[in-house]
PDB file of all heavy atoms in Angstrom:
ATOM      1  N   GLU A   1      96.826  87.947 107.709  1.00  0.00           N
ATOM      2  CA  GLU A   1      97.141  89.344 107.405  1.00  0.00           C
ATOM      3  C   GLU A   1      98.300  89.442 106.417  1.00  0.00           C
ATOM      4  O   GLU A   1      98.277  90.273 105.497  1.00  0.00           O
ATOM      5  CB  GLU A   1      97.458  90.113 108.695  1.00  0.00           C
ATOM      6  CG  GLU A   1      97.750  91.584 108.488  1.00  0.00           C
ATOM      7  CD  GLU A   1      96.616  92.365 107.847  1.00  0.00           C
ATOM      8  OE1 GLU A   1      95.451  91.932 107.891  1.00  0.00           O
ATOM      9  OE2 GLU A   1      96.908  93.445 107.271  1.00  0.00           O
ATOM     10  N   LYS A   2      99.294  88.592 106.592  1.00  0.00           N
ATOM     11  CA  LYS A   2     100.438  88.583 105.662  1.00  0.00           C
ATOM     12  C   LYS A   2      99.964  88.217 104.257  1.00  0.00           C
ATOM     13  O   LYS A   2     100.360  88.850 103.277  1.00  0.00           O
ATOM     14  CB  LYS A   2     101.490  87.583 106.153  1.00  0.00           C
ATOM     15  CG  LYS A   2     102.702  87.498 105.270  1.00  0.00           C
ATOM     16  CD  LYS A   2     103.706  86.493 105.800  1.00  0.00           C
ATOM     17  CE  LYS A   2     104.884  86.360 104.851  1.00  0.00           C
ATOM     18  NZ  LYS A   2     105.789  85.293 105.248  1.00  0.00           N
ATOM     19  N   ARG A   3      99.125  87.205 104.159  1.00  0.00           N
ATOM     20  CA  ARG A   3      98.593  86.783 102.853  1.00  0.00           C
ATOM     21  C   ARG A   3      97.741  87.892 102.228  1.00  0.00           C
ATOM     22  O   ARG A   3      97.758  88.101 101.026  1.00  0.00           O
ATOM     23  CB  ARG A   3      97.757  85.513 102.984  1.00  0.00           C
ATOM     24  CG  ARG A   3      98.503  84.316 103.510  1.00  0.00           C
ATOM     25  CD  ARG A   3      99.591  83.854 102.562  1.00  0.00           C
ATOM     26  NE  ARG A   3     100.278  82.700 103.097  1.00  0.00           N
ATOM     27  CZ  ARG A   3     101.563  82.673 103.414  1.00  0.00           C
ATOM     28  NH1 ARG A   3     102.308  83.751 103.244  1.00  0.00           N
ATOM     29  NH2 ARG A   3     102.124  81.577 103.877  1.00  0.00           N
ATOM     30  N   ARG A   4      96.979  88.594 103.067  1.00  0.00           N
ATOM     31  CA  ARG A   4      96.157  89.693 102.570  1.00  0.00           C
ATOM     32  C   ARG A   4      97.034  90.796 101.993  1.00  0.00           C
ATOM     33  O   ARG A   4      96.768  91.328 100.916  1.00  0.00           O
ATOM     34  CB  ARG A   4      95.275  90.253 103.692  1.00  0.00           C
ATOM     35  CG  ARG A   4      94.260  91.288 103.224  1.00  0.00           C
ATOM     36  CD  ARG A   4      93.503  91.894 104.395  1.00  0.00           C
ATOM     37  NE  ARG A   4      94.331  92.792 105.178  1.00  0.00           N
ATOM     38  CZ  ARG A   4      94.607  94.052 104.832  1.00  0.00           C
ATOM     39  NH1 ARG A   4      94.127  94.566 103.729  1.00  0.00           N
ATOM     40  NH2 ARG A   4      95.371  94.805 105.598  1.00  0.00           N
ATOM     41  N   LYS A   5      98.129  91.124 102.686  1.00  0.00           N
ATOM     42  CA  LYS A   5      99.040  92.161 102.202  1.00  0.00           C
ATOM     43  C   LYS A   5      99.718  91.728 100.904  1.00  0.00           C
ATOM     44  O   LYS A   5      99.886  92.535  99.980  1.00  0.00           O
ATOM     45  CB  LYS A   5     100.084  92.494 103.264  1.00  0.00           C
ATOM     46  CG  LYS A   5      99.521  93.306 104.402  1.00  0.00           C
ATOM     47  CD  LYS A   5     100.572  93.626 105.445  1.00  0.00           C
ATOM     48  CE  LYS A   5      99.967  94.425 106.598  1.00  0.00           C
ATOM     49  NZ  LYS A   5     100.930  94.689 107.653  1.00  0.00           N
ATOM     50  N   GLU A   6     100.105  90.458 100.827  1.00  0.00           N
ATOM     51  CA  GLU A   6     100.728  89.951  99.601  1.00  0.00           C
ATOM     52  C   GLU A   6      99.763  90.064  98.432  1.00  0.00           C
ATOM     53  O   GLU A   6     100.136  90.491  97.337  1.00  0.00           O
ATOM     54  CB  GLU A   6     101.164  88.491  99.788  1.00  0.00           C
ATOM     55  CG  GLU A   6     102.335  88.315 100.721  1.00  0.00           C
ATOM     56  CD  GLU A   6     102.594  86.862 101.096  1.00  0.00           C
ATOM     57  OE1 GLU A   6     101.774  85.973 100.740  1.00  0.00           O
ATOM     58  OE2 GLU A   6     103.615  86.597 101.757  1.00  0.00           O
ATOM     59  N   TRP A   7      98.502  89.688  98.675  1.00  0.00           N
ATOM     60  CA  TRP A   7      97.491  89.758  97.625  1.00  0.00           C
ATOM     61  C   TRP A   7      97.268  91.214  97.206  1.00  0.00           C
ATOM     62  O   TRP A   7      97.203  91.515  96.004  1.00  0.00           O
ATOM     63  CB  TRP A   7      96.191  89.123  98.119  1.00  0.00           C
ATOM     64  CG  TRP A   7      95.043  89.316  97.182  1.00  0.00           C
ATOM     65  CD1 TRP A   7      94.862  88.725  95.967  1.00  0.00           C
ATOM     66  CD2 TRP A   7      93.928  90.180  97.381  1.00  0.00           C
ATOM     67  NE1 TRP A   7      93.692  89.168  95.403  1.00  0.00           N
ATOM     68  CE2 TRP A   7      93.095  90.058  96.252  1.00  0.00           C
ATOM     69  CE3 TRP A   7      93.546  91.024  98.412  1.00  0.00           C
ATOM     70  CZ2 TRP A   7      91.912  90.767  96.125  1.00  0.00           C
ATOM     71  CZ3 TRP A   7      92.367  91.730  98.290  1.00  0.00           C
ATOM     72  CH2 TRP A   7      91.567  91.589  97.149  1.00  0.00           C
ATOM     73  N   LEU A   8      97.171  92.117  98.172  1.00  0.00           N
ATOM     74  CA  LEU A   8      96.973  93.532  97.850  1.00  0.00           C
ATOM     75  C   LEU A   8      98.152  94.107  97.070  1.00  0.00           C
ATOM     76  O   LEU A   8      97.962  94.898  96.137  1.00  0.00           O
ATOM     77  CB  LEU A   8      96.737  94.347  99.133  1.00  0.00           C
ATOM     78  CG  LEU A   8      95.381  94.180  99.798  1.00  0.00           C
ATOM     79  CD1 LEU A   8      95.351  94.920 101.136  1.00  0.00           C
ATOM     80  CD2 LEU A   8      94.257  94.649  98.897  1.00  0.00           C
ATOM     81  N   ASP A   9      99.374  93.710  97.441  1.00  0.00           N
ATOM     82  CA  ASP A   9     100.558  94.188  96.718  1.00  0.00           C
ATOM     83  C   ASP A   9     100.531  93.726  95.266  1.00  0.00           C
ATOM     84  O   ASP A   9     100.800  94.516  94.347  1.00  0.00           O
ATOM     85  CB  ASP A   9     101.840  93.699  97.396  1.00  0.00           C
ATOM     86  CG  ASP A   9     102.134  94.414  98.693  1.00  0.00           C
ATOM     87  OD1 ASP A   9     101.515  95.466  98.957  1.00  0.00           O
ATOM     88  OD2 ASP A   9     102.992  93.912  99.466  1.00  0.00           O
ATOM     89  N   LEU A  10     100.208  92.444  95.054  1.00  0.00           N
ATOM     90  CA  LEU A  10     100.141  91.931  93.685  1.00  0.00           C
ATOM     91  C   LEU A  10      99.019  92.610  92.902  1.00  0.00           C
ATOM     92  O   LEU A  10      99.197  92.940  91.720  1.00  0.00           O
ATOM     93  CB  LEU A  10      99.934  90.414  93.696  1.00  0.00           C
ATOM     94  CG  LEU A  10     101.160  89.604  94.080  1.00  0.00           C
ATOM     95  CD1 LEU A  10     100.787  88.153  94.345  1.00  0.00           C
ATOM     96  CD2 LEU A  10     102.223  89.699  92.993  1.00  0.00           C
ATOM     97  N   GLN A  11      97.905  92.839  93.563  1.00  0.00           N
ATOM     98  CA  GLN A  11      96.792  93.512  92.906  1.00  0.00           C
ATOM     99  C   GLN A  11      97.197  94.927  92.489  1.00  0.00           C
ATOM    100  O   GLN A  11      96.902  95.373  91.382  1.00  0.00           O
ATOM    101  CB  GLN A  11      95.593  93.547  93.853  1.00  0.00           C
ATOM    102  CG  GLN A  11      94.341  94.113  93.227  1.00  0.00           C
ATOM    103  CD  GLN A  11      93.196  94.134  94.216  1.00  0.00           C
ATOM    104  OE1 GLN A  11      93.338  94.652  95.324  1.00  0.00           O
ATOM    105  NE2 GLN A  11      92.066  93.592  93.821  1.00  0.00           N
ATOM    106  N   GLN A  12      97.895  95.623  93.382  1.00  0.00           N
ATOM    107  CA  GLN A  12      98.335  96.984  93.082  1.00  0.00           C
ATOM    108  C   GLN A  12      99.331  96.984  91.918  1.00  0.00           C
ATOM    109  O   GLN A  12      99.246  97.828  91.016  1.00  0.00           O
ATOM    110  CB  GLN A  12      98.969  97.603  94.320  1.00  0.00           C
ATOM    111  CG  GLN A  12      99.359  99.045  94.160  1.00  0.00           C
ATOM    112  CD  GLN A  12      99.973  99.620  95.430  1.00  0.00           C
ATOM    113  OE1 GLN A  12     100.352  98.897  96.347  1.00  0.00           O
ATOM    114  NE2 GLN A  12     100.073 100.924  95.477  1.00  0.00           N
ATOM    115  N   GLN A  13     100.263  96.047  91.914  1.00  0.00           N
ATOM    116  CA  GLN A  13     101.237  95.958  90.818  1.00  0.00           C
ATOM    117  C   GLN A  13     100.531  95.689  89.493  1.00  0.00           C
ATOM    118  O   GLN A  13     100.848  96.306  88.475  1.00  0.00           O
ATOM    119  CB  GLN A  13     102.247  94.846  91.099  1.00  0.00           C
ATOM    120  CG  GLN A  13     103.208  95.129  92.213  1.00  0.00           C
ATOM    121  CD  GLN A  13     104.096  93.932  92.521  1.00  0.00           C
ATOM    122  OE1 GLN A  13     104.276  93.046  91.696  1.00  0.00           O
ATOM    123  NE2 GLN A  13     104.645  93.903  93.729  1.00  0.00           N
ATOM    124  N   ARG A  14      99.569  94.739  89.510  1.00  0.00           N
ATOM    125  CA  ARG A  14      98.850  94.399  88.284  1.00  0.00           C
ATOM    126  C   ARG A  14      98.068  95.603  87.764  1.00  0.00           C
ATOM    127  O   ARG A  14      98.110  95.915  86.578  1.00  0.00           O
ATOM    128  CB  ARG A  14      97.898  93.224  88.526  1.00  0.00           C
ATOM    129  CG  ARG A  14      97.085  92.859  87.268  1.00  0.00           C
ATOM    130  CD  ARG A  14      95.944  91.927  87.576  1.00  0.00           C
ATOM    131  NE  ARG A  14      95.088  92.331  88.652  1.00  0.00           N
ATOM    132  CZ  ARG A  14      94.069  93.199  88.548  1.00  0.00           C
ATOM    133  NH1 ARG A  14      93.824  93.792  87.397  1.00  0.00           N
ATOM    134  NH2 ARG A  14      93.312  93.480  89.590  1.00  0.00           N
ATOM    135  N   LYS A  15      97.396  96.304  88.653  1.00  0.00           N
ATOM    136  CA  LYS A  15      96.608  97.465  88.228  1.00  0.00           C
ATOM    137  C   LYS A  15      97.498  98.561  87.665  1.00  0.00           C
ATOM    138  O   LYS A  15      97.145  99.207  86.669  1.00  0.00           O
ATOM    139  CB  LYS A  15      95.771  97.996  89.391  1.00  0.00           C
ATOM    140  CG  LYS A  15      94.580  97.125  89.714  1.00  0.00           C
ATOM    141  CD  LYS A  15      93.776  97.696  90.864  1.00  0.00           C
ATOM    142  CE  LYS A  15      92.559  96.844  91.179  1.00  0.00           C
ATOM    143  NZ  LYS A  15      91.757  97.415  92.269  1.00  0.00           N
ATOM    144  N   ALA A  16      98.647  98.780  88.296  1.00  0.00           N
ATOM    145  CA  ALA A  16      99.580  99.798  87.803  1.00  0.00           C
ATOM    146  C   ALA A  16     100.084  99.430  86.407  1.00  0.00           C
ATOM    147  O   ALA A  16     100.155 100.294  85.517  1.00  0.00           O
ATOM    148  CB  ALA A  16     100.750  99.952  88.766  1.00  0.00           C
ATOM    149  N   LEU A  17     100.407  98.163  86.216  1.00  0.00           N
ATOM    150  CA  LEU A  17     100.896  97.717  84.915  1.00  0.00           C
ATOM    151  C   LEU A  17      99.789  97.803  83.868  1.00  0.00           C
ATOM    152  O   LEU A  17     100.039  98.222  82.729  1.00  0.00           O
ATOM    153  CB  LEU A  17     101.443  96.289  85.015  1.00  0.00           C
ATOM    154  CG  LEU A  17     102.180  95.778  83.793  1.00  0.00           C
ATOM    155  CD1 LEU A  17     103.355  96.682  83.436  1.00  0.00           C
ATOM    156  CD2 LEU A  17     102.673  94.368  84.027  1.00  0.00           C
ATOM    157  N   GLU A  18      98.570  97.431  84.246  1.00  0.00           N
ATOM    158  CA  GLU A  18      97.461  97.534  83.301  1.00  0.00           C
ATOM    159  C   GLU A  18      97.196  98.994  82.929  1.00  0.00           C
ATOM    160  O   GLU A  18      96.891  99.292  81.779  1.00  0.00           O
ATOM    161  CB  GLU A  18      96.204  96.884  83.882  1.00  0.00           C
ATOM    162  CG  GLU A  18      96.273  95.374  83.865  1.00  0.00           C
ATOM    163  CD  GLU A  18      95.070  94.707  84.502  1.00  0.00           C
ATOM    164  OE1 GLU A  18      94.218  95.410  85.106  1.00  0.00           O
ATOM    165  OE2 GLU A  18      94.988  93.472  84.419  1.00  0.00           O
ATOM    166  N   THR A  19      97.329  99.894  83.884  1.00  0.00           N
ATOM    167  CA  THR A  19      97.159 101.318  83.591  1.00  0.00           C
ATOM    168  C   THR A  19      98.232 101.777  82.608  1.00  0.00           C
ATOM    169  O   THR A  19      97.944 102.515  81.652  1.00  0.00           O
ATOM    170  CB  THR A  19      97.229 102.144  84.893  1.00  0.00           C
ATOM    171  OG1 THR A  19      96.182 101.715  85.762  1.00  0.00           O
ATOM    172  CG2 THR A  19      97.097 103.627  84.622  1.00  0.00           C
ATOM    173  N   LEU A  20      99.457 101.334  82.839  1.00  0.00           N
ATOM    174  CA  LEU A  20     100.548 101.676  81.919  1.00  0.00           C
ATOM    175  C   LEU A  20     100.254 101.144  80.519  1.00  0.00           C
ATOM    176  O   LEU A  20     100.423 101.863  79.527  1.00  0.00           O
ATOM    177  CB  LEU A  20     101.874 101.109  82.443  1.00  0.00           C
ATOM    178  CG  LEU A  20     103.087 101.291  81.545  1.00  0.00           C
ATOM    179  CD1 LEU A  20     103.427 102.774  81.409  1.00  0.00           C
ATOM    180  CD2 LEU A  20     104.280 100.524  82.096  1.00  0.00           C
ATOM    181  N   LEU A  21      99.802  99.895  80.429  1.00  0.00           N
ATOM    182  CA  LEU A  21      99.481  99.314  79.122  1.00  0.00           C
ATOM    183  C   LEU A  21      98.330 100.064  78.447  1.00  0.00           C
ATOM    184  O   LEU A  21      98.360 100.282  77.232  1.00  0.00           O
ATOM    185  CB  LEU A  21      99.134  97.830  79.274  1.00  0.00           C
ATOM    186  CG  LEU A  21     100.307  96.901  79.550  1.00  0.00           C
ATOM    187  CD1 LEU A  21      99.811  95.507  79.924  1.00  0.00           C
ATOM    188  CD2 LEU A  21     101.228  96.832  78.338  1.00  0.00           C
ATOM    189  N   GLU A  22      97.328 100.459  79.228  1.00  0.00           N
ATOM    190  CA  GLU A  22      96.212 101.225  78.665  1.00  0.00           C
ATOM    191  C   GLU A  22      96.686 102.570  78.134  1.00  0.00           C
ATOM    192  O   GLU A  22      96.261 103.013  77.065  1.00  0.00           O
ATOM    193  CB  GLU A  22      95.123 101.426  79.717  1.00  0.00           C
ATOM    194  CG  GLU A  22      94.350 100.163  80.039  1.00  0.00           C
ATOM    195  CD  GLU A  22      93.450 100.310  81.249  1.00  0.00           C
ATOM    196  OE1 GLU A  22      93.362 101.428  81.824  1.00  0.00           O
ATOM    197  OE2 GLU A  22      92.838  99.304  81.645  1.00  0.00           O
ATOM    198  N   ARG A  23      97.578 103.210  78.876  1.00  0.00           N
ATOM    199  CA  ARG A  23      98.112 104.504  78.419  1.00  0.00           C
ATOM    200  C   ARG A  23      98.921 104.332  77.142  1.00  0.00           C
ATOM    201  O   ARG A  23      98.825 105.146  76.217  1.00  0.00           O
ATOM    202  CB  ARG A  23      98.967 105.141  79.504  1.00  0.00           C
ATOM    203  CG  ARG A  23      98.158 105.706  80.640  1.00  0.00           C
ATOM    204  CD  ARG A  23      99.037 106.331  81.687  1.00  0.00           C
ATOM    205  NE  ARG A  23      98.248 106.795  82.839  1.00  0.00           N
ATOM    206  CZ  ARG A  23      98.747 107.111  83.996  1.00  0.00           C
ATOM    207  NH1 ARG A  23     100.059 107.042  84.202  1.00  0.00           N
ATOM    208  NH2 ARG A  23      97.975 107.510  84.985  1.00  0.00           N
ATOM    209  N   LYS A  24      99.730 103.271  77.112  1.00  0.00           N
ATOM    210  CA  LYS A  24     100.518 103.015  75.902  1.00  0.00           C
ATOM    211  C   LYS A  24      99.603 102.739  74.717  1.00  0.00           C
ATOM    212  O   LYS A  24      99.857 103.206  73.607  1.00  0.00           O
ATOM    213  CB  LYS A  24     101.478 101.844  76.121  1.00  0.00           C
ATOM    214  CG  LYS A  24     102.671 102.170  77.012  1.00  0.00           C
ATOM    215  CD  LYS A  24     103.568 100.966  77.206  1.00  0.00           C
ATOM    216  CE  LYS A  24     104.395 100.630  76.017  1.00  0.00           C
ATOM    217  NZ  LYS A  24     105.502 101.497  75.696  1.00  0.00           N
ATOM    218  N   ALA A  25      98.534 101.970  74.939  1.00  0.00           N
ATOM    219  CA  ALA A  25      97.596 101.655  73.863  1.00  0.00           C
ATOM    220  C   ALA A  25      96.888 102.921  73.392  1.00  0.00           C
ATOM    221  O   ALA A  25      96.696 103.123  72.186  1.00  0.00           O
ATOM    222  CB  ALA A  25      96.585 100.619  74.343  1.00  0.00           C
ATOM    223  N   ALA A  26      96.499 103.780  74.316  1.00  0.00           N
ATOM    224  CA  ALA A  26      95.834 105.037  73.946  1.00  0.00           C
ATOM    225  C   ALA A  26      96.786 105.929  73.153  1.00  0.00           C
ATOM    226  O   ALA A  26      96.389 106.560  72.164  1.00  0.00           O
ATOM    227  CB  ALA A  26      95.335 105.755  75.195  1.00  0.00           C
ATOM    228  N   LYS A  27      98.031 105.975  73.598  1.00  0.00           N
ATOM    229  CA  LYS A  27      99.042 106.780  72.904  1.00  0.00           C
ATOM    230  C   LYS A  27      99.261 106.250  71.487  1.00  0.00           C
ATOM    231  O   LYS A  27      99.357 107.021  70.518  1.00  0.00           O
ATOM    232  CB  LYS A  27     100.350 106.725  73.695  1.00  0.00           C
ATOM    233  CG  LYS A  27     101.288 107.868  73.473  1.00  0.00           C
ATOM    234  CD  LYS A  27     102.505 107.696  74.359  1.00  0.00           C
ATOM    235  CE  LYS A  27     102.928 108.994  74.965  1.00  0.00           C
ATOM    236  NZ  LYS A  27     104.148 108.881  75.774  1.00  0.00           N
ATOM    237  N   GLU A  28      99.321 104.922  71.361  1.00  0.00           N
ATOM    238  CA  GLU A  28      99.515 104.307  70.049  1.00  0.00           C
ATOM    239  C   GLU A  28      98.299 104.557  69.157  1.00  0.00           C
ATOM    240  O   GLU A  28      98.447 104.847  67.964  1.00  0.00           O
ATOM    241  CB  GLU A  28      99.773 102.800  70.196  1.00  0.00           C
ATOM    242  CG  GLU A  28      99.991 102.064  68.901  1.00  0.00           C
ATOM    243  CD  GLU A  28     101.226 102.490  68.118  1.00  0.00           C
ATOM    244  OE1 GLU A  28     102.097 103.189  68.669  1.00  0.00           O
ATOM    245  OE2 GLU A  28     101.320 102.113  66.936  1.00  0.00           O
ATOM    246  N   ALA A  29      97.104 104.471  69.724  1.00  0.00           N
ATOM    247  CA  ALA A  29      95.891 104.728  68.947  1.00  0.00           C
ATOM    248  C   ALA A  29      95.870 106.178  68.461  1.00  0.00           C
ATOM    249  O   ALA A  29      95.494 106.451  67.311  1.00  0.00           O
ATOM    250  CB  ALA A  29      94.654 104.427  69.792  1.00  0.00           C
ATOM    251  N   LEU A  30      96.286 107.098  69.323  1.00  0.00           N
ATOM    252  CA  LEU A  30      96.350 108.507  68.929  1.00  0.00           C
ATOM    253  C   LEU A  30      97.382 108.705  67.817  1.00  0.00           C
ATOM    254  O   LEU A  30      97.120 109.420  66.849  1.00  0.00           O
ATOM    255  CB  LEU A  30      96.690 109.377  70.146  1.00  0.00           C
ATOM    256  CG  LEU A  30      96.741 110.876  69.914  1.00  0.00           C
ATOM    257  CD1 LEU A  30      95.384 111.399  69.448  1.00  0.00           C
ATOM    258  CD2 LEU A  30      97.183 111.588  71.178  1.00  0.00           C
ATOM    259  N   ARG A  31      98.528 108.051  67.940  1.00  0.00           N
ATOM    260  CA  ARG A  31      99.567 108.152  66.916  1.00  0.00           C
ATOM    261  C   ARG A  31      99.056 107.623  65.578  1.00  0.00           C
ATOM    262  O   ARG A  31      99.246 108.250  64.525  1.00  0.00           O
ATOM    263  CB  ARG A  31     100.819 107.382  67.345  1.00  0.00           C
ATOM    264  CG  ARG A  31     102.012 107.557  66.386  1.00  0.00           C
ATOM    265  CD  ARG A  31     103.147 106.614  66.708  1.00  0.00           C
ATOM    266  NE  ARG A  31     102.840 105.219  66.462  1.00  0.00           N
ATOM    267  CZ  ARG A  31     102.827 104.639  65.256  1.00  0.00           C
ATOM    268  NH1 ARG A  31     103.086 105.347  64.174  1.00  0.00           N
ATOM    269  NH2 ARG A  31     102.545 103.358  65.134  1.00  0.00           N
TER     270      ARG A  31
END
């Protein structure tokens, strides 16, 4: 269970960062 939570936390962090990068890329493309 601890390993599952660690994996989920890392997955959530990665997805949040990828979303941020996608938003930045979209903003740059619009600019």
